[in-house]
Amino acid sequence: MGEPTDCAIFMNSANGSAVLDGEEVDSETSLGESISVQGVALNPVTGTDGRFTTTGCGLWVQLPPLKPGNHTLTIRGRARDFAVDVDYSLTVGAA
């Protein structure tokens, strides 16, 4: 949660990658968008079920439609004291 200036500081050190089935997926940078969030009671961020507005930023990827079968998606990212390292095994069924 933060203001546009918080996003600018955060994104200054942001880097990351996404790899789908061994091929790098291009990312898009969002430098700061106003977002509205509806919390749920006892959530670890605000603790309440209220609605609040904050600024969201980050590196985003949009995957192409996947063919039926097994796929792997690896996401790595870091900015300041935040890090994400995720490995997905995806199975797409026939339409």
C-alpha atoms as a PDB file:
ATOM      1  CA  MET A   1       0.000   0.000   0.000  1.00  0.00           C
ATOM      2  CA  GLY A   2       1.362   3.352  -0.865  1.00  0.00           C
ATOM      3  CA  GLU A   3       1.458   6.520  -2.872  1.00  0.00           C
ATOM      4  CA  PRO A   4       2.796   7.130  -6.410  1.00  0.00           C
ATOM      5  CA  THR A   5       6.147   8.265  -4.968  1.00  0.00           C
ATOM      6  CA  ASP A   6       6.426   4.933  -3.121  1.00  0.00           C
ATOM      7  CA  CYS A   7       5.964   3.112  -6.431  1.00  0.00           C
ATOM      8  CA  ALA A   8       8.629   5.227  -8.121  1.00  0.00           C
ATOM      9  CA  ILE A   9      11.142   4.298  -5.413  1.00  0.00           C
ATOM     10  CA  PHE A  10      10.096   0.628  -5.495  1.00  0.00           C
ATOM     11  CA  MET A  11      10.245   0.368  -9.301  1.00  0.00           C
ATOM     12  CA  ASN A  12      13.666   2.024  -9.452  1.00  0.00           C
ATOM     13  CA  SER A  13      15.223  -1.268  -8.312  1.00  0.00           C
ATOM     14  CA  ALA A  14      12.678  -3.680  -9.847  1.00  0.00           C
ATOM     15  CA  ASN A  15      13.799  -6.485 -12.127  1.00  0.00           C
ATOM     16  CA  GLY A  16      12.363  -9.831 -12.990  1.00  0.00           C
ATOM     17  CA  SER A  17      11.641 -12.483 -15.552  1.00  0.00           C
ATOM     18  CA  ALA A  18       8.986 -14.952 -16.594  1.00  0.00           C
ATOM     19  CA  VAL A  19       9.782 -18.101 -18.568  1.00  0.00           C
ATOM     20  CA  LEU A  20       7.044 -20.211 -20.161  1.00  0.00           C
ATOM     21  CA  ASP A  21       8.111 -23.639 -21.452  1.00  0.00           C
ATOM     22  CA  GLY A  22      11.734 -22.484 -21.681  1.00  0.00           C
ATOM     23  CA  GLU A  23      10.955 -19.243 -23.563  1.00  0.00           C
ATOM     24  CA  GLU A  24      11.178 -15.816 -21.931  1.00  0.00           C
ATOM     25  CA  VAL A  25       7.899 -13.907 -21.827  1.00  0.00           C
ATOM     26  CA  ASP A  26       8.116 -10.132 -22.310  1.00  0.00           C
ATOM     27  CA  SER A  27       7.041  -8.088 -19.317  1.00  0.00           C
ATOM     28  CA  GLU A  28       5.266  -4.762 -19.091  1.00  0.00           C
ATOM     29  CA  THR A  29       6.071  -2.166 -16.460  1.00  0.00           C
ATOM     30  CA  SER A  30       3.308  -0.487 -14.504  1.00  0.00           C
ATOM     31  CA  LEU A  31       4.744   2.580 -12.786  1.00  0.00           C
ATOM     32  CA  GLY A  32       1.705   3.294 -10.661  1.00  0.00           C
ATOM     33  CA  GLU A  33      -2.013   2.816 -11.081  1.00  0.00           C
ATOM     34  CA  SER A  34      -4.677   3.792  -8.592  1.00  0.00           C
ATOM     35  CA  ILE A  35      -6.435   0.626  -7.396  1.00  0.00           C
ATOM     36  CA  SER A  36      -9.347   0.054  -5.053  1.00  0.00           C
ATOM     37  CA  VAL A  37      -9.138  -2.931  -2.709  1.00  0.00           C
ATOM     38  CA  GLN A  38     -11.917  -4.538  -0.677  1.00  0.00           C
ATOM     39  CA  GLY A  39     -10.404  -6.133   2.411  1.00  0.00           C
ATOM     40  CA  VAL A  40     -11.827  -9.059   4.342  1.00  0.00           C
ATOM     41  CA  ALA A  41     -12.061  -9.208   8.110  1.00  0.00           C
ATOM     42  CA  LEU A  42      -8.814 -10.165   9.870  1.00  0.00           C
ATOM     43  CA  ASN A  43      -6.689  -9.912   6.701  1.00  0.00           C
ATOM     44  CA  PRO A  44      -2.960  -9.489   7.484  1.00  0.00           C
ATOM     45  CA  VAL A  45      -2.616  -6.162   5.634  1.00  0.00           C
ATOM     46  CA  THR A  46      -5.302  -3.932   7.174  1.00  0.00           C
ATOM     47  CA  GLY A  47      -7.103  -6.257   9.574  1.00  0.00           C
ATOM     48  CA  THR A  48     -10.501  -4.937   8.477  1.00  0.00           C
ATOM     49  CA  ASP A  49     -13.129  -5.628   5.853  1.00  0.00           C
ATOM     50  CA  GLY A  50     -13.112  -2.019   4.615  1.00  0.00           C
ATOM     51  CA  ARG A  51     -12.417  -0.662   1.142  1.00  0.00           C
ATOM     52  CA  PHE A  52      -9.331   1.464   0.532  1.00  0.00           C
ATOM     53  CA  THR A  53      -7.514   3.022  -2.408  1.00  0.00           C
ATOM     54  CA  THR A  54      -3.789   2.644  -2.942  1.00  0.00           C
ATOM     55  CA  THR A  55      -1.250   2.647  -5.756  1.00  0.00           C
ATOM     56  CA  GLY A  56      -0.218  -0.578  -7.493  1.00  0.00           C
ATOM     57  CA  CYS A  57       2.947  -0.973  -9.549  1.00  0.00           C
ATOM     58  CA  GLY A  58       5.162  -3.767 -10.778  1.00  0.00           C
ATOM     59  CA  LEU A  59       6.291  -5.917 -13.661  1.00  0.00           C
ATOM     60  CA  TRP A  60       3.458  -7.815 -15.349  1.00  0.00           C
ATOM     61  CA  VAL A  61       3.291 -10.517 -18.002  1.00  0.00           C
ATOM     62  CA  GLN A  62       0.402 -11.634 -20.149  1.00  0.00           C
ATOM     63  CA  LEU A  63       0.583 -15.231 -21.297  1.00  0.00           C
ATOM     64  CA  PRO A  64      -0.511 -16.322 -24.748  1.00  0.00           C
ATOM     65  CA  PRO A  65      -3.300 -18.909 -24.980  1.00  0.00           C
ATOM     66  CA  LEU A  66      -1.806 -22.259 -24.021  1.00  0.00           C
ATOM     67  CA  LYS A  67      -2.257 -25.406 -26.077  1.00  0.00           C
ATOM     68  CA  PRO A  68      -3.609 -28.497 -24.339  1.00  0.00           C
ATOM     69  CA  GLY A  69      -0.933 -30.363 -22.423  1.00  0.00           C
ATOM     70  CA  ASN A  70       1.627 -29.721 -19.701  1.00  0.00           C
ATOM     71  CA  HIS A  71       3.445 -26.406 -19.326  1.00  0.00           C
ATOM     72  CA  THR A  72       5.903 -24.823 -16.905  1.00  0.00           C
ATOM     73  CA  LEU A  73       5.966 -21.194 -15.857  1.00  0.00           C
ATOM     74  CA  THR A  74       8.794 -19.721 -13.798  1.00  0.00           C
ATOM     75  CA  ILE A  75       8.551 -16.227 -12.332  1.00  0.00           C
ATOM     76  CA  ARG A  76      11.429 -14.439 -10.616  1.00  0.00           C
ATOM     77  CA  GLY A  77      11.382 -10.863  -9.390  1.00  0.00           C
ATOM     78  CA  ARG A  78      13.031  -8.520  -6.937  1.00  0.00           C
ATOM     79  CA  ALA A  79      12.676  -4.912  -5.847  1.00  0.00           C
ATOM     80  CA  ARG A  80      14.147  -3.455  -2.680  1.00  0.00           C
ATOM     81  CA  ASP A  81      13.256  -5.873   0.153  1.00  0.00           C
ATOM     82  CA  PHE A  82      10.535  -7.706  -1.823  1.00  0.00           C
ATOM     83  CA  ALA A  83      11.198 -10.910  -3.767  1.00  0.00           C
ATOM     84  CA  VAL A  84       9.097 -13.444  -5.610  1.00  0.00           C
ATOM     85  CA  ASP A  85      10.275 -16.876  -6.817  1.00  0.00           C
ATOM     86  CA  VAL A  86       7.460 -19.054  -8.164  1.00  0.00           C
ATOM     87  CA  ASP A  87       7.431 -22.265 -10.232  1.00  0.00           C
ATOM     88  CA  TYR A  88       4.136 -23.377 -11.738  1.00  0.00           C
ATOM     89  CA  SER A  89       3.266 -26.704 -13.357  1.00  0.00           C
ATOM     90  CA  LEU A  90       0.232 -26.079 -15.538  1.00  0.00           C
ATOM     91  CA  THR A  91      -2.017 -28.620 -17.218  1.00  0.00           C
ATOM     92  CA  VAL A  92      -4.367 -27.373 -19.929  1.00  0.00           C
ATOM     93  CA  GLY A  93      -7.225 -29.654 -20.926  1.00  0.00           C
ATOM     94  CA  ALA A  94      -8.664 -29.967 -24.424  1.00  0.00           C
ATOM     95  CA  ALA A  95     -11.489 -27.563 -25.192  1.00  0.00           C
END
